Amino acid sequence: MITFTTGSAALLAQLLDQRPALLDAPLNFDSGTQQSRVLTFTRITQEFDCNGMSHTAVIGYRLALAGGDELHINLGDGRVAHCAAR
């Protein structure tokens, strides 16, 4: 089992991106008040054109949590947003 907090979320997301097999292990987010199981892990990319060449850059990650919450990780500034279910 892997448990992480907002302090380690960006590092964990990059690790999961490099080693997707880690998603086979139970993965839990600890918000400080409760733990939620990670259900899905999605890479957020941005496509852009530079000198006629198409490029794709990873700009963040979205983790869907049990209970309907989502965790958004922005790689540009290392910010983590925990979004409650709507």
Protein backbone atom coordinates (compact mmCIF):
# COMPACT_ATOMS: atom_id res chain seq x y z
CA MET A 1 0.00 0.00 0.00
CA ILE A 2 1.21 3.51 -0.86
CA THR A 3 -0.22 6.47 1.04
CA PHE A 4 0.61 10.05 0.01
CA THR A 5 -0.30 13.62 0.96
CA THR A 6 -0.33 16.94 -0.91
CA GLY A 7 3.34 17.35 0.03
CA SER A 8 4.36 14.30 -1.99
CA ALA A 9 1.58 14.23 -4.62
CA ALA A 10 3.55 15.87 -7.47
CA LEU A 11 6.53 13.56 -6.95
CA LEU A 12 4.27 10.51 -6.74
CA ALA A 13 2.42 11.51 -9.93
CA GLN A 14 5.68 11.78 -11.86
CA LEU A 15 6.74 8.38 -10.49
CA LEU A 16 3.41 6.83 -11.53
CA ASP A 17 3.81 8.35 -14.99
CA GLN A 18 7.20 6.65 -15.36
CA ARG A 19 6.15 3.36 -13.72
CA PRO A 20 2.43 2.70 -14.37
CA ALA A 21 2.72 -0.77 -12.77
CA LEU A 22 2.71 0.99 -9.38
CA LEU A 23 -1.01 1.59 -9.93
CA ASP A 24 -1.53 -2.12 -9.32
CA ALA A 25 -0.70 -1.53 -5.64
CA PRO A 26 -3.34 -0.04 -3.33
CA LEU A 27 -2.85 3.73 -3.55
CA ASN A 28 -4.40 6.11 -1.00
CA PHE A 29 -4.49 9.90 -0.69
CA ASP A 30 -4.41 11.21 2.90
CA SER A 31 -6.04 14.65 3.07
CA GLY A 32 -5.31 15.01 6.78
CA THR A 33 -8.90 14.26 7.73
CA GLN A 34 -9.57 11.11 5.70
CA GLN A 35 -7.95 8.63 3.35
CA SER A 36 -9.33 8.03 -0.14
CA ARG A 37 -8.40 5.28 -2.57
CA VAL A 38 -7.09 6.39 -5.98
CA LEU A 39 -9.30 4.92 -8.71
CA THR A 40 -7.78 6.38 -11.89
CA PHE A 41 -4.69 8.32 -12.91
CA THR A 42 -4.84 10.58 -15.99
CA ARG A 43 -2.03 12.53 -17.63
CA ILE A 44 -2.99 16.08 -18.70
CA THR A 45 -1.12 17.23 -21.79
CA GLN A 46 -0.88 20.37 -23.86
CA GLU A 47 -0.14 20.29 -27.57
CA PHE A 48 1.68 23.13 -29.27
CA ASP A 49 3.40 23.96 -32.53
CA CYS A 50 7.01 25.17 -32.66
CA ASN A 51 8.62 25.95 -36.02
CA GLY A 52 6.14 23.73 -37.82
CA MET A 53 6.72 20.76 -35.50
CA SER A 54 3.94 19.47 -33.27
CA HIS A 55 4.92 18.83 -29.64
CA THR A 56 3.10 17.47 -26.61
CA ALA A 57 4.05 18.36 -23.04
CA VAL A 58 2.75 16.88 -19.79
CA ILE A 59 1.40 19.80 -17.74
CA GLY A 60 -0.26 17.92 -14.92
CA TYR A 61 -2.17 14.92 -13.66
CA ARG A 62 -5.69 14.18 -12.48
CA LEU A 63 -6.38 11.44 -9.93
CA ALA A 64 -9.97 10.30 -9.40
CA LEU A 65 -10.58 9.33 -5.79
CA ALA A 66 -13.18 7.05 -4.23
CA GLY A 67 -16.21 9.06 -3.17
CA GLY A 68 -16.13 11.26 -6.28
CA ASP A 69 -13.32 13.66 -5.29
CA GLU A 70 -10.49 14.54 -7.68
CA LEU A 71 -6.90 15.55 -7.06
CA HIS A 72 -5.38 17.88 -9.69
CA ILE A 73 -1.61 18.29 -9.86
CA ASN A 74 -0.18 21.20 -11.86
CA LEU A 75 3.45 20.52 -12.80
CA GLY A 76 4.15 24.11 -13.83
CA ASP A 77 4.13 25.45 -10.30
CA GLY A 78 3.96 22.23 -8.28
CA ARG A 79 0.55 23.21 -6.96
CA VAL A 80 -1.90 20.54 -5.86
CA ALA A 81 -5.65 21.16 -5.84
CA HIS A 82 -8.03 18.81 -4.06
CA CYS A 83 -11.44 19.21 -5.66
CA ALA A 84 -14.50 17.94 -3.83
CA ALA A 85 -17.21 16.02 -5.62
CA ARG A 86 -19.82 18.12 -7.36
